[in-house]
């Protein structure tokens, strides 16, 4: 099966990035805590935002909505995403990700231009 590829649309603002906490801790009766790594790697979560300064065109909004609804089918499919935000330290790096959290909500910021945000996480 071929991996889906995120559409080539206007870059988001520099994404917020959140590393996954892979630790697990358990409090003990003596007042101390024991801990260990629960997973072997920490996945990254990327918060992608298009707003007033870098909106999507109506055509790009339709492409992203179609990709979310009909290709990735929400969070059910993984896809390849290349960070194209020019000021991000992850610029040009490819990740295998999936959508997580709420579906993108599209808001018209000017006639023919749209703002939205979505969250993707390494698989």
PDB file of N, CA and C in Angstrom:
ATOM      1  N   UNK A   1       0.836  -1.188   0.000  1.00  0.00           N
ATOM      2  CA  UNK A   1       0.000   0.000   0.000  1.00  0.00           C
ATOM      3  C   UNK A   1       0.877   1.246   0.000  1.00  0.00           C
ATOM      4  N   UNK A   2       0.519   2.203  -0.812  1.00  0.00           N
ATOM      5  CA  UNK A   2       1.266   3.446  -0.919  1.00  0.00           C
ATOM      6  C   UNK A   2       0.913   4.381   0.229  1.00  0.00           C
ATOM      7  N   UNK A   3       1.938   5.001   0.812  1.00  0.00           N
ATOM      8  CA  UNK A   3       1.714   5.955   1.896  1.00  0.00           C
ATOM      9  C   UNK A   3       1.165   7.253   1.325  1.00  0.00           C
ATOM     10  N   UNK A   4       0.147   7.786   1.950  1.00  0.00           N
ATOM     11  CA  UNK A   4      -0.399   9.078   1.560  1.00  0.00           C
ATOM     12  C   UNK A   4       0.644  10.165   1.804  1.00  0.00           C
ATOM     13  N   UNK A   5       0.533  11.258   1.059  1.00  0.00           N
ATOM     14  CA  UNK A   5       1.437  12.397   1.224  1.00  0.00           C
ATOM     15  C   UNK A   5       0.588  13.637   1.474  1.00  0.00           C
ATOM     16  N   UNK A   6       0.943  14.381   2.518  1.00  0.00           N
ATOM     17  CA  UNK A   6       0.249  15.621   2.849  1.00  0.00           C
ATOM     18  C   UNK A   6       0.295  16.558   1.655  1.00  0.00           C
ATOM     19  N   UNK A   7      -0.792  17.263   1.357  1.00  0.00           N
ATOM     20  CA  UNK A   7      -0.822  18.118   0.161  1.00  0.00           C
ATOM     21  C   UNK A   7       0.172  19.272   0.222  1.00  0.00           C
ATOM     22  N   UNK A   8       0.616  19.680  -0.960  1.00  0.00           N
ATOM     23  CA  UNK A   8       1.555  20.784  -1.105  1.00  0.00           C
ATOM     24  C   UNK A   8       0.755  22.085  -1.128  1.00  0.00           C
ATOM     25  N   UNK A   9       0.568  22.671   0.047  1.00  0.00           N
ATOM     26  CA  UNK A   9      -0.202  23.906   0.195  1.00  0.00           C
ATOM     27  C   UNK A   9       0.660  24.940   0.919  1.00  0.00           C
ATOM     28  N   UNK A  10       0.126  26.131   1.089  1.00  0.00           N
ATOM     29  CA  UNK A  10       0.837  27.197   1.803  1.00  0.00           C
ATOM     30  C   UNK A  10       1.407  26.658   3.115  1.00  0.00           C
ATOM     31  N   UNK A  11       2.682  26.948   3.411  1.00  0.00           N
ATOM     32  CA  UNK A  11       3.249  26.479   4.678  1.00  0.00           C
ATOM     33  C   UNK A  11       2.503  27.044   5.877  1.00  0.00           C
ATOM     34  N   UNK A  12       2.380  26.233   6.939  1.00  0.00           N
ATOM     35  CA  UNK A  12       1.795  26.765   8.163  1.00  0.00           C
ATOM     36  C   UNK A  12       2.776  27.723   8.831  1.00  0.00           C
ATOM     37  N   UNK A  13       2.278  28.464   9.822  1.00  0.00           N
ATOM     38  CA  UNK A  13       3.209  29.227  10.650  1.00  0.00           C
ATOM     39  C   UNK A  13       4.173  28.219  11.274  1.00  0.00           C
ATOM     40  N   UNK A  14       5.300  28.671  11.784  1.00  0.00           N
ATOM     41  CA  UNK A  14       6.236  27.744  12.409  1.00  0.00           C
ATOM     42  C   UNK A  14       5.482  26.910  13.437  1.00  0.00           C
ATOM     43  N   UNK A  15       5.462  25.584  13.255  1.00  0.00           N
ATOM     44  CA  UNK A  15       4.629  24.753  14.133  1.00  0.00           C
ATOM     45  C   UNK A  15       5.122  24.738  15.575  1.00  0.00           C
ATOM     46  N   UNK A  16       4.158  24.673  16.489  1.00  0.00           N
ATOM     47  CA  UNK A  16       4.501  24.381  17.875  1.00  0.00           C
ATOM     48  C   UNK A  16       4.809  22.885  17.909  1.00  0.00           C
ATOM     49  N   UNK A  17       5.802  22.500  18.706  1.00  0.00           N
ATOM     50  CA  UNK A  17       6.249  21.111  18.751  1.00  0.00           C
ATOM     51  C   UNK A  17       6.232  20.644  20.193  1.00  0.00           C
ATOM     52  N   UNK A  18       5.675  19.469  20.412  1.00  0.00           N
ATOM     53  CA  UNK A  18       5.602  18.909  21.758  1.00  0.00           C
ATOM     54  C   UNK A  18       6.142  17.481  21.746  1.00  0.00           C
ATOM     55  N   UNK A  19       7.259  17.217  22.441  1.00  0.00           N
ATOM     56  CA  UNK A  19       7.744  15.840  22.536  1.00  0.00           C
ATOM     57  C   UNK A  19       6.876  15.044  23.513  1.00  0.00           C
ATOM     58  N   UNK A  20       6.715  13.773  23.222  1.00  0.00           N
ATOM     59  CA  UNK A  20       5.917  12.893  24.068  1.00  0.00           C
ATOM     60  C   UNK A  20       6.695  12.527  25.333  1.00  0.00           C
ATOM     61  N   UNK A  21       6.030  12.565  26.477  1.00  0.00           N
ATOM     62  CA  UNK A  21       6.638  12.112  27.729  1.00  0.00           C
ATOM     63  C   UNK A  21       6.556  10.589  27.750  1.00  0.00           C
ATOM     64  N   UNK A  22       7.696   9.919  27.679  1.00  0.00           N
ATOM     65  CA  UNK A  22       7.686   8.456  27.628  1.00  0.00           C
ATOM     66  C   UNK A  22       7.879   7.824  29.001  1.00  0.00           C
ATOM     67  N   UNK A  23       7.960   8.650  30.029  1.00  0.00           N
ATOM     68  CA  UNK A  23       8.182   8.130  31.384  1.00  0.00           C
ATOM     69  C   UNK A  23       6.884   7.713  32.051  1.00  0.00           C
ATOM     70  N   UNK A  24       7.021   6.773  32.978  1.00  0.00           N
ATOM     71  CA  UNK A  24       5.908   6.362  33.819  1.00  0.00           C
ATOM     72  C   UNK A  24       6.422   6.357  35.254  1.00  0.00           C
ATOM     73  N   UNK A  25       5.639   6.915  36.160  1.00  0.00           N
ATOM     74  CA  UNK A  25       6.065   6.989  37.553  1.00  0.00           C
ATOM     75  C   UNK A  25       5.005   6.359  38.448  1.00  0.00           C
ATOM     76  N   UNK A  26       5.462   5.852  39.568  1.00  0.00           N
ATOM     77  CA  UNK A  26       4.559   5.266  40.566  1.00  0.00           C
ATOM     78  C   UNK A  26       4.999   5.700  41.957  1.00  0.00           C
ATOM     79  N   UNK A  27       4.088   6.326  42.715  1.00  0.00           N
ATOM     80  CA  UNK A  27       4.444   6.699  44.085  1.00  0.00           C
ATOM     81  C   UNK A  27       4.486   5.446  44.973  1.00  0.00           C
ATOM     82  N   UNK A  28       5.427   5.414  45.898  1.00  0.00           N
ATOM     83  CA  UNK A  28       5.573   4.271  46.800  1.00  0.00           C
ATOM     84  C   UNK A  28       5.110   4.681  48.209  1.00  0.00           C
ATOM     85  N   UNK A  29       4.811   3.681  49.019  1.00  0.00           N
ATOM     86  CA  UNK A  29       4.312   3.938  50.383  1.00  0.00           C
ATOM     87  C   UNK A  29       5.319   4.711  51.233  1.00  0.00           C
ATOM     88  N   UNK A  30       6.603   4.540  50.961  1.00  0.00           N
ATOM     89  CA  UNK A  30       7.629   5.208  51.755  1.00  0.00           C
ATOM     90  C   UNK A  30       7.797   6.675  51.414  1.00  0.00           C
ATOM     91  N   UNK A  31       7.028   7.199  50.454  1.00  0.00           N
ATOM     92  CA  UNK A  31       7.103   8.610  50.113  1.00  0.00           C
ATOM     93  C   UNK A  31       7.989   8.915  48.918  1.00  0.00           C
ATOM     94  N   UNK A  32       8.659   7.909  48.364  1.00  0.00           N
ATOM     95  CA  UNK A  32       9.477   8.176  47.186  1.00  0.00           C
ATOM     96  C   UNK A  32       8.744   7.673  45.939  1.00  0.00           C
ATOM     97  N   UNK A  33       9.315   7.944  44.798  1.00  0.00           N
ATOM     98  CA  UNK A  33       8.697   7.592  43.522  1.00  0.00           C
ATOM     99  C   UNK A  33       9.667   6.733  42.719  1.00  0.00           C
ATOM    100  N   UNK A  34       9.141   5.693  42.093  1.00  0.00           N
ATOM    101  CA  UNK A  34       9.944   4.896  41.153  1.00  0.00           C
ATOM    102  C   UNK A  34       9.474   5.253  39.748  1.00  0.00           C
ATOM    103  N   UNK A  35      10.400   5.189  38.798  1.00  0.00           N
ATOM    104  CA  UNK A  35      10.047   5.552  37.430  1.00  0.00           C
ATOM    105  C   UNK A  35      10.861   4.735  36.449  1.00  0.00           C
ATOM    106  N   UNK A  36      10.350   4.707  35.232  1.00  0.00           N
ATOM    107  CA  UNK A  36      11.042   4.021  34.134  1.00  0.00           C
ATOM    108  C   UNK A  36      10.480   4.552  32.828  1.00  0.00           C
ATOM    109  N   UNK A  37      11.144   4.223  31.731  1.00  0.00           N
ATOM    110  CA  UNK A  37      10.619   4.581  30.413  1.00  0.00           C
ATOM    111  C   UNK A  37       9.528   3.593  30.038  1.00  0.00           C
ATOM    112  N   UNK A  38       8.395   4.103  29.607  1.00  0.00           N
ATOM    113  CA  UNK A  38       7.277   3.253  29.196  1.00  0.00           C
ATOM    114  C   UNK A  38       7.432   2.841  27.739  1.00  0.00           C
ATOM    115  N   UNK A  39       7.998   3.711  26.909  1.00  0.00           N
ATOM    116  CA  UNK A  39       8.201   3.455  25.487  1.00  0.00           C
ATOM    117  C   UNK A  39       9.676   3.615  25.157  1.00  0.00           C
ATOM    118  N   UNK A  40      10.070   3.148  23.979  1.00  0.00           N
ATOM    119  CA  UNK A  40      11.476   3.238  23.590  1.00  0.00           C
ATOM    120  C   UNK A  40      11.815   4.520  22.851  1.00  0.00           C
ATOM    121  N   UNK A  41      10.807   5.237  22.355  1.00  0.00           N
ATOM    122  CA  UNK A  41      11.082   6.508  21.678  1.00  0.00           C
ATOM    123  C   UNK A  41      10.005   7.521  22.009  1.00  0.00           C
ATOM    124  N   UNK A  42      10.391   8.776  21.928  1.00  0.00           N
ATOM    125  CA  UNK A  42       9.474   9.886  22.193  1.00  0.00           C
ATOM    126  C   UNK A  42       9.024  10.459  20.859  1.00  0.00           C
ATOM    127  N   UNK A  43       7.735  10.356  20.562  1.00  0.00           N
ATOM    128  CA  UNK A  43       7.199  10.878  19.311  1.00  0.00           C
ATOM    129  C   UNK A  43       6.933  12.369  19.453  1.00  0.00           C
ATOM    130  N   UNK A  44       6.971  13.062  18.326  1.00  0.00           N
ATOM    131  CA  UNK A  44       6.711  14.498  18.306  1.00  0.00           C
ATOM    132  C   UNK A  44       5.275  14.761  17.870  1.00  0.00           C
ATOM    133  N   UNK A  45       4.659  15.770  18.471  1.00  0.00           N
ATOM    134  CA  UNK A  45       3.355  16.257  18.047  1.00  0.00           C
ATOM    135  C   UNK A  45       3.571  17.649  17.471  1.00  0.00           C
ATOM    136  N   UNK A  46       2.992  17.901  16.292  1.00  0.00           N
ATOM    137  CA  UNK A  46       3.127  19.181  15.611  1.00  0.00           C
ATOM    138  C   UNK A  46       1.760  19.858  15.557  1.00  0.00           C
ATOM    139  N   UNK A  47       1.706  21.110  15.983  1.00  0.00           N
ATOM    140  CA  UNK A  47       0.490  21.914  15.943  1.00  0.00           C
ATOM    141  C   UNK A  47       0.621  22.863  14.755  1.00  0.00           C
ATOM    142  N   UNK A  48      -0.136  22.604  13.687  1.00  0.00           N
ATOM    143  CA  UNK A  48      -0.047  23.377  12.458  1.00  0.00           C
ATOM    144  C   UNK A  48      -1.140  24.444  12.437  1.00  0.00           C
ATOM    145  N   UNK A  49      -0.756  25.671  12.092  1.00  0.00           N
ATOM    146  CA  UNK A  49      -1.700  26.790  12.096  1.00  0.00           C
ATOM    147  C   UNK A  49      -1.536  27.642  10.841  1.00  0.00           C
ATOM    148  N   UNK A  50      -2.660  27.934  10.221  1.00  0.00           N
ATOM    149  CA  UNK A  50      -2.727  28.904   9.140  1.00  0.00           C
ATOM    150  C   UNK A  50      -3.649  30.005   9.631  1.00  0.00           C
ATOM    151  N   UNK A  51      -3.195  31.255   9.567  1.00  0.00           N
ATOM    152  CA  UNK A  51      -3.987  32.344  10.135  1.00  0.00           C
ATOM    153  C   UNK A  51      -4.050  33.554   9.235  1.00  0.00           C
ATOM    154  N   UNK A  52      -4.197  34.726   9.854  1.00  0.00           N
ATOM    155  CA  UNK A  52      -4.336  35.975   9.108  1.00  0.00           C
ATOM    156  C   UNK A  52      -3.092  36.299   8.274  1.00  0.00           C
ATOM    157  N   UNK A  53      -1.920  35.905   8.754  1.00  0.00           N
ATOM    158  CA  UNK A  53      -0.672  36.248   8.061  1.00  0.00           C
ATOM    159  C   UNK A  53      -0.294  35.244   6.976  1.00  0.00           C
ATOM    160  N   UNK A  54      -0.821  34.030   7.051  1.00  0.00           N
ATOM    161  CA  UNK A  54      -0.501  33.022   6.037  1.00  0.00           C
ATOM    162  C   UNK A  54      -1.734  32.156   5.745  1.00  0.00           C
ATOM    163  N   UNK A  55      -2.832  32.768   5.302  1.00  0.00           N
ATOM    164  CA  UNK A  55      -4.060  31.999   5.118  1.00  0.00           C
ATOM    165  C   UNK A  55      -3.981  31.065   3.918  1.00  0.00           C
ATOM    166  N   UNK A  56      -4.870  30.090   3.924  1.00  0.00           N
ATOM    167  CA  UNK A  56      -5.038  29.200   2.781  1.00  0.00           C
ATOM    168  C   UNK A  56      -5.981  29.858   1.790  1.00  0.00           C
ATOM    169  N   UNK A  57      -5.753  29.658   0.505  1.00  0.00           N
ATOM    170  CA  UNK A  57      -6.728  30.088  -0.485  1.00  0.00           C
ATOM    171  C   UNK A  57      -7.924  29.144  -0.417  1.00  0.00           C
ATOM    172  N   UNK A  58      -9.021  29.523  -1.036  1.00  0.00           N
ATOM    173  CA  UNK A  58     -10.192  28.639  -1.047  1.00  0.00           C
ATOM    174  C   UNK A  58      -9.842  27.289  -1.665  1.00  0.00           C
ATOM    175  N   UNK A  59      -9.045  27.297  -2.729  1.00  0.00           N
ATOM    176  CA  UNK A  59      -8.640  26.032  -3.358  1.00  0.00           C
ATOM    177  C   UNK A  59      -7.819  25.171  -2.389  1.00  0.00           C
ATOM    178  N   UNK A  60      -6.876  25.784  -1.674  1.00  0.00           N
ATOM    179  CA  UNK A  60      -6.068  25.037  -0.705  1.00  0.00           C
ATOM    180  C   UNK A  60      -6.922  24.540   0.456  1.00  0.00           C
ATOM    181  N   UNK A  61      -7.891  25.348   0.889  1.00  0.00           N
ATOM    182  CA  UNK A  61      -8.792  24.927   1.964  1.00  0.00           C
ATOM    183  C   UNK A  61      -9.550  23.681   1.543  1.00  0.00           C
ATOM    184  N   UNK A  62     -10.034  23.657   0.314  1.00  0.00           N
ATOM    185  CA  UNK A  62     -10.768  22.495  -0.189  1.00  0.00           C
ATOM    186  C   UNK A  62      -9.855  21.283  -0.314  1.00  0.00           C
ATOM    187  N   UNK A  63      -8.608  21.497  -0.713  1.00  0.00           N
ATOM    188  CA  UNK A  63      -7.639  20.396  -0.823  1.00  0.00           C
ATOM    189  C   UNK A  63      -7.373  19.799   0.558  1.00  0.00           C
ATOM    190  N   UNK A  64      -7.142  20.658   1.564  1.00  0.00           N
ATOM    191  CA  UNK A  64      -6.871  20.169   2.915  1.00  0.00           C
ATOM    192  C   UNK A  64      -8.088  19.470   3.502  1.00  0.00           C
ATOM    193  N   UNK A  65      -9.264  20.038   3.318  1.00  0.00           N
ATOM    194  CA  UNK A  65     -10.480  19.401   3.828  1.00  0.00           C
ATOM    195  C   UNK A  65     -10.699  18.045   3.180  1.00  0.00           C
ATOM    196  N   UNK A  66     -10.498  17.947   1.866  1.00  0.00           N
ATOM    197  CA  UNK A  66     -10.640  16.665   1.165  1.00  0.00           C
ATOM    198  C   UNK A  66      -9.606  15.661   1.667  1.00  0.00           C
ATOM    199  N   UNK A  67      -8.363  16.124   1.877  1.00  0.00           N
ATOM    200  CA  UNK A  67      -7.319  15.226   2.374  1.00  0.00           C
ATOM    201  C   UNK A  67      -7.704  14.671   3.735  1.00  0.00           C
ATOM    202  N   UNK A  68      -8.180  15.538   4.631  1.00  0.00           N
ATOM    203  CA  UNK A  68      -8.571  15.111   5.979  1.00  0.00           C
ATOM    204  C   UNK A  68      -9.752  14.139   5.929  1.00  0.00           C
ATOM    205  N   UNK A  69     -10.791  14.496   5.197  1.00  0.00           N
ATOM    206  CA  UNK A  69     -12.040  13.718   5.208  1.00  0.00           C
ATOM    207  C   UNK A  69     -11.971  12.448   4.373  1.00  0.00           C
ATOM    208  N   UNK A  70     -11.404  12.528   3.164  1.00  0.00           N
ATOM    209  CA  UNK A  70     -11.535  11.430   2.208  1.00  0.00           C
ATOM    210  C   UNK A  70     -10.275  10.603   1.976  1.00  0.00           C
ATOM    211  N   UNK A  71      -9.118  11.177   2.262  1.00  0.00           N
ATOM    212  CA  UNK A  71      -7.888  10.410   2.047  1.00  0.00           C
ATOM    213  C   UNK A  71      -7.344   9.863   3.368  1.00  0.00           C
ATOM    214  N   UNK A  72      -7.050  10.770   4.320  1.00  0.00           N
ATOM    215  CA  UNK A  72      -6.555  10.322   5.631  1.00  0.00           C
ATOM    216  C   UNK A  72      -7.688   9.758   6.484  1.00  0.00           C
ATOM    217  N   UNK A  73      -8.922  10.113   6.131  1.00  0.00           N
ATOM    218  CA  UNK A  73     -10.106   9.662   6.870  1.00  0.00           C
ATOM    219  C   UNK A  73      -9.954   9.954   8.368  1.00  0.00           C
ATOM    220  N   UNK A  74      -9.704  11.247   8.639  1.00  0.00           N
ATOM    221  CA  UNK A  74      -9.488  11.657  10.022  1.00  0.00           C
ATOM    222  C   UNK A  74      -8.193  11.071  10.550  1.00  0.00           C
ATOM    223  N   UNK A  75      -8.258  10.428  11.689  1.00  0.00           N
ATOM    224  CA  UNK A  75      -7.045   9.864  12.309  1.00  0.00           C
ATOM    225  C   UNK A  75      -6.781   8.423  11.884  1.00  0.00           C
ATOM    226  N   UNK A  76      -7.557   7.898  10.941  1.00  0.00           N
ATOM    227  CA  UNK A  76      -7.451   6.464  10.644  1.00  0.00           C
ATOM    228  C   UNK A  76      -6.278   6.076   9.744  1.00  0.00           C
ATOM    229  N   UNK A  77      -5.714   7.020   8.988  1.00  0.00           N
ATOM    230  CA  UNK A  77      -4.620   6.696   8.065  1.00  0.00           C
ATOM    231  C   UNK A  77      -3.351   7.465   8.420  1.00  0.00           C
ATOM    232  N   UNK A  78      -2.200   6.815   8.247  1.00  0.00           N
ATOM    233  CA  UNK A  78      -0.931   7.520   8.389  1.00  0.00           C
ATOM    234  C   UNK A  78      -0.594   8.178   7.056  1.00  0.00           C
ATOM    235  N   UNK A  79       0.255   9.207   7.117  1.00  0.00           N
ATOM    236  CA  UNK A  79       0.690   9.866   5.893  1.00  0.00           C
ATOM    237  C   UNK A  79       2.056  10.482   6.108  1.00  0.00           C
ATOM    238  N   UNK A  80       2.718  10.800   4.999  1.00  0.00           N
ATOM    239  CA  UNK A  80       4.032  11.441   5.039  1.00  0.00           C
ATOM    240  C   UNK A  80       3.829  12.950   5.037  1.00  0.00           C
ATOM    241  N   UNK A  81       4.468  13.612   5.979  1.00  0.00           N
ATOM    242  CA  UNK A  81       4.415  15.067   6.061  1.00  0.00           C
ATOM    243  C   UNK A  81       5.845  15.591   6.073  1.00  0.00           C
ATOM    244  N   UNK A  82       6.140  16.529   5.192  1.00  0.00           N
ATOM    245  CA  UNK A  82       7.438  17.206   5.173  1.00  0.00           C
ATOM    246  C   UNK A  82       7.228  18.606   5.704  1.00  0.00           C
ATOM    247  N   UNK A  83       7.967  18.958   6.733  1.00  0.00           N
ATOM    248  CA  UNK A  83       7.833  20.291   7.325  1.00  0.00           C
ATOM    249  C   UNK A  83       8.286  21.335   6.307  1.00  0.00           C
ATOM    250  N   UNK A  84       7.349  22.188   5.882  1.00  0.00           N
ATOM    251  CA  UNK A  84       7.692  23.226   4.909  1.00  0.00           C
ATOM    252  C   UNK A  84       7.601  24.632   5.498  1.00  0.00           C
ATOM    253  N   UNK A  85       7.574  24.718   6.831  1.00  0.00           N
ATOM    254  CA  UNK A  85       7.602  26.022   7.497  1.00  0.00           C
ATOM    255  C   UNK A  85       9.053  26.496   7.523  1.00  0.00           C
ATOM    256  N   UNK A  86       9.384  27.549   6.767  1.00  0.00           N
ATOM    257  CA  UNK A  86      10.790  27.913   6.552  1.00  0.00           C
ATOM    258  C   UNK A  86      11.604  28.234   7.790  1.00  0.00           C
ATOM    259  N   UNK A  87      10.986  28.683   8.883  1.00  0.00           N
ATOM    260  CA  UNK A  87      11.759  29.066  10.069  1.00  0.00           C
ATOM    261  C   UNK A  87      11.786  27.973  11.132  1.00  0.00           C
ATOM    262  N   UNK A  88      11.223  26.813  10.832  1.00  0.00           N
ATOM    263  CA  UNK A  88      11.208  25.704  11.787  1.00  0.00           C
ATOM    264  C   UNK A  88      12.551  24.972  11.775  1.00  0.00           C
ATOM    265  N   UNK A  89      13.020  24.509  12.936  1.00  0.00           N
ATOM    266  CA  UNK A  89      14.234  23.689  12.950  1.00  0.00           C
ATOM    267  C   UNK A  89      14.019  22.328  12.272  1.00  0.00           C
ATOM    268  N   UNK A  90      12.767  21.993  11.995  1.00  0.00           N
ATOM    269  CA  UNK A  90      12.437  20.722  11.340  1.00  0.00           C
ATOM    270  C   UNK A  90      12.215  20.896   9.839  1.00  0.00           C
ATOM    271  N   UNK A  91      12.493  22.100   9.308  1.00  0.00           N
ATOM    272  CA  UNK A  91      12.260  22.392   7.891  1.00  0.00           C
ATOM    273  C   UNK A  91      12.935  21.344   7.005  1.00  0.00           C
ATOM    274  N   UNK A  92      12.167  20.791   6.069  1.00  0.00           N
ATOM    275  CA  UNK A  92      12.691  19.825   5.110  1.00  0.00           C
ATOM    276  C   UNK A  92      12.712  18.387   5.608  1.00  0.00           C
ATOM    277  N   UNK A  93      12.448  18.153   6.883  1.00  0.00           N
ATOM    278  CA  UNK A  93      12.454  16.790   7.421  1.00  0.00           C
ATOM    279  C   UNK A  93      11.115  16.123   7.155  1.00  0.00           C
ATOM    280  N   UNK A  94      11.173  14.822   6.861  1.00  0.00           N
ATOM    281  CA  UNK A  94       9.964  14.044   6.584  1.00  0.00           C
ATOM    282  C   UNK A  94       9.598  13.208   7.805  1.00  0.00           C
ATOM    283  N   UNK A  95       8.298  13.132   8.062  1.00  0.00           N
ATOM    284  CA  UNK A  95       7.775  12.362   9.192  1.00  0.00           C
ATOM    285  C   UNK A  95       6.586  11.534   8.722  1.00  0.00           C
ATOM    286  N   UNK A  96       6.409  10.366   9.319  1.00  0.00           N
ATOM    287  CA  UNK A  96       5.201   9.580   9.133  1.00  0.00           C
ATOM    288  C   UNK A  96       4.299   9.914  10.313  1.00  0.00           C
ATOM    289  N   UNK A  97       3.133  10.488  10.016  1.00  0.00           N
ATOM    290  CA  UNK A  97       2.258  11.050  11.038  1.00  0.00           C
ATOM    291  C   UNK A  97       0.809  10.635  10.792  1.00  0.00           C
ATOM    292  N   UNK A  98      -0.043  11.018  11.730  1.00  0.00           N
ATOM    293  CA  UNK A  98      -1.492  10.914  11.561  1.00  0.00           C
ATOM    294  C   UNK A  98      -2.126  12.099  12.261  1.00  0.00           C
ATOM    295  N   UNK A  99      -3.346  12.441  11.849  1.00  0.00           N
ATOM    296  CA  UNK A  99      -4.083  13.497  12.527  1.00  0.00           C
ATOM    297  C   UNK A  99      -4.479  13.005  13.907  1.00  0.00           C
ATOM    298  N   UNK A 100      -4.431  13.886  14.894  1.00  0.00           N
ATOM    299  CA  UNK A 100      -4.899  13.580  16.246  1.00  0.00           C
ATOM    300  C   UNK A 100      -5.740  14.759  16.720  1.00  0.00           C
ATOM    301  N   UNK A 101      -6.521  14.528  17.737  1.00  0.00           N
ATOM    302  CA  UNK A 101      -7.330  15.605  18.301  1.00  0.00           C
ATOM    303  C   UNK A 101      -8.518  15.949  17.426  1.00  0.00           C
ATOM    304  N   UNK A 102      -8.957  17.181  17.550  1.00  0.00           N
ATOM    305  CA  UNK A 102     -10.147  17.637  16.838  1.00  0.00           C
ATOM    306  C   UNK A 102      -9.883  17.832  15.350  1.00  0.00           C
ATOM    307  N   UNK A 103     -10.947  17.721  14.575  1.00  0.00           N
ATOM    308  CA  UNK A 103     -10.872  17.975  13.134  1.00  0.00           C
ATOM    309  C   UNK A 103     -10.578  19.453  12.891  1.00  0.00           C
ATOM    310  N   UNK A 104      -9.947  19.782  11.758  1.00  0.00           N
ATOM    311  CA  UNK A 104      -9.700  21.192  11.453  1.00  0.00           C
ATOM    312  C   UNK A 104     -11.019  21.964  11.327  1.00  0.00           C
ATOM    313  N   UNK A 105     -11.054  23.160  11.881  1.00  0.00           N
ATOM    314  CA  UNK A 105     -12.190  24.068  11.707  1.00  0.00           C
ATOM    315  C   UNK A 105     -11.713  25.202  10.825  1.00  0.00           C
ATOM    316  N   UNK A 106     -12.425  25.456   9.756  1.00  0.00           N
ATOM    317  CA  UNK A 106     -12.024  26.474   8.793  1.00  0.00           C
ATOM    318  C   UNK A 106     -12.799  27.755   9.030  1.00  0.00           C
ATOM    319  N   UNK A 107     -12.073  28.879   9.038  1.00  0.00           N
ATOM    320  CA  UNK A 107     -12.678  30.192   9.280  1.00  0.00           C
ATOM    321  C   UNK A 107     -12.216  31.130   8.170  1.00  0.00           C
ATOM    322  N   UNK A 108     -13.171  31.760   7.505  1.00  0.00           N
ATOM    323  CA  UNK A 108     -12.831  32.688   6.431  1.00  0.00           C
ATOM    324  C   UNK A 108     -12.318  33.993   7.053  1.00  0.00           C
ATOM    325  N   UNK A 109     -11.081  34.380   6.697  1.00  0.00           N
ATOM    326  CA  UNK A 109     -10.478  35.593   7.268  1.00  0.00           C
ATOM    327  C   UNK A 109     -10.568  36.779   6.314  1.00  0.00           C
ATOM    328  N   UNK A 110     -10.808  36.499   5.052  1.00  0.00           N
ATOM    329  CA  UNK A 110     -11.016  37.516   4.022  1.00  0.00           C
ATOM    330  C   UNK A 110     -11.678  36.772   2.857  1.00  0.00           C
ATOM    331  N   UNK A 111     -12.316  37.478   1.955  1.00  0.00           N
ATOM    332  CA  UNK A 111     -12.942  36.769   0.837  1.00  0.00           C
ATOM    333  C   UNK A 111     -11.928  35.899   0.092  1.00  0.00           C
ATOM    334  N   UNK A 112     -12.169  34.595   0.090  1.00  0.00           N
ATOM    335  CA  UNK A 112     -11.291  33.658  -0.613  1.00  0.00           C
ATOM    336  C   UNK A 112     -10.088  33.177   0.183  1.00  0.00           C
ATOM    337  N   UNK A 113      -9.988  33.541   1.465  1.00  0.00           N
ATOM    338  CA  UNK A 113      -8.841  33.144   2.290  1.00  0.00           C
ATOM    339  C   UNK A 113      -9.325  32.561   3.613  1.00  0.00           C
ATOM    340  N   UNK A 114      -8.636  31.504   4.071  1.00  0.00           N
ATOM    341  CA  UNK A 114      -9.106  30.716   5.203  1.00  0.00           C
ATOM    342  C   UNK A 114      -8.016  30.478   6.229  1.00  0.00           C
ATOM    343  N   UNK A 115      -8.429  30.471   7.494  1.00  0.00           N
ATOM    344  CA  UNK A 115      -7.551  30.120   8.615  1.00  0.00           C
ATOM    345  C   UNK A 115      -8.013  28.778   9.166  1.00  0.00           C
ATOM    346  N   UNK A 116      -7.085  28.004   9.678  1.00  0.00           N
ATOM    347  CA  UNK A 116      -7.427  26.729  10.325  1.00  0.00           C
ATOM    348  C   UNK A 116      -6.230  26.283  11.136  1.00  0.00           C
ATOM    349  N   UNK A 117      -6.430  25.228  11.880  1.00  0.00           N
ATOM    350  CA  UNK A 117      -5.337  24.576  12.592  1.00  0.00           C
ATOM    351  C   UNK A 117      -5.634  23.096  12.671  1.00  0.00           C
ATOM    352  N   UNK A 118      -4.579  22.304  12.751  1.00  0.00           N
ATOM    353  CA  UNK A 118      -4.734  20.865  12.937  1.00  0.00           C
ATOM    354  C   UNK A 118      -3.513  20.348  13.695  1.00  0.00           C
ATOM    355  N   UNK A 119      -3.666  19.171  14.247  1.00  0.00           N
ATOM    356  CA  UNK A 119      -2.601  18.565  15.046  1.00  0.00           C
ATOM    357  C   UNK A 119      -2.248  17.228  14.409  1.00  0.00           C
ATOM    358  N   UNK A 120      -0.947  17.015  14.209  1.00  0.00           N
ATOM    359  CA  UNK A 120      -0.458  15.744  13.686  1.00  0.00           C
ATOM    360  C   UNK A 120       0.583  15.191  14.637  1.00  0.00           C
ATOM    361  N   UNK A 121       0.686  13.869  14.696  1.00  0.00           N
ATOM    362  CA  UNK A 121       1.625  13.227  15.620  1.00  0.00           C
ATOM    363  C   UNK A 121       2.364  12.105  14.903  1.00  0.00           C
ATOM    364  N   UNK A 122       3.661  11.988  15.196  1.00  0.00           N
ATOM    365  CA  UNK A 122       4.445  10.892  14.635  1.00  0.00           C
ATOM    366  C   UNK A 122       3.782   9.569  14.972  1.00  0.00           C
ATOM    367  N   UNK A 123       3.835   8.655  14.041  1.00  0.00           N
ATOM    368  CA  UNK A 123       3.240   7.339  14.255  1.00  0.00           C
ATOM    369  C   UNK A 123       4.292   6.380  14.767  1.00  0.00           C
TER     370      UNK A 123
END
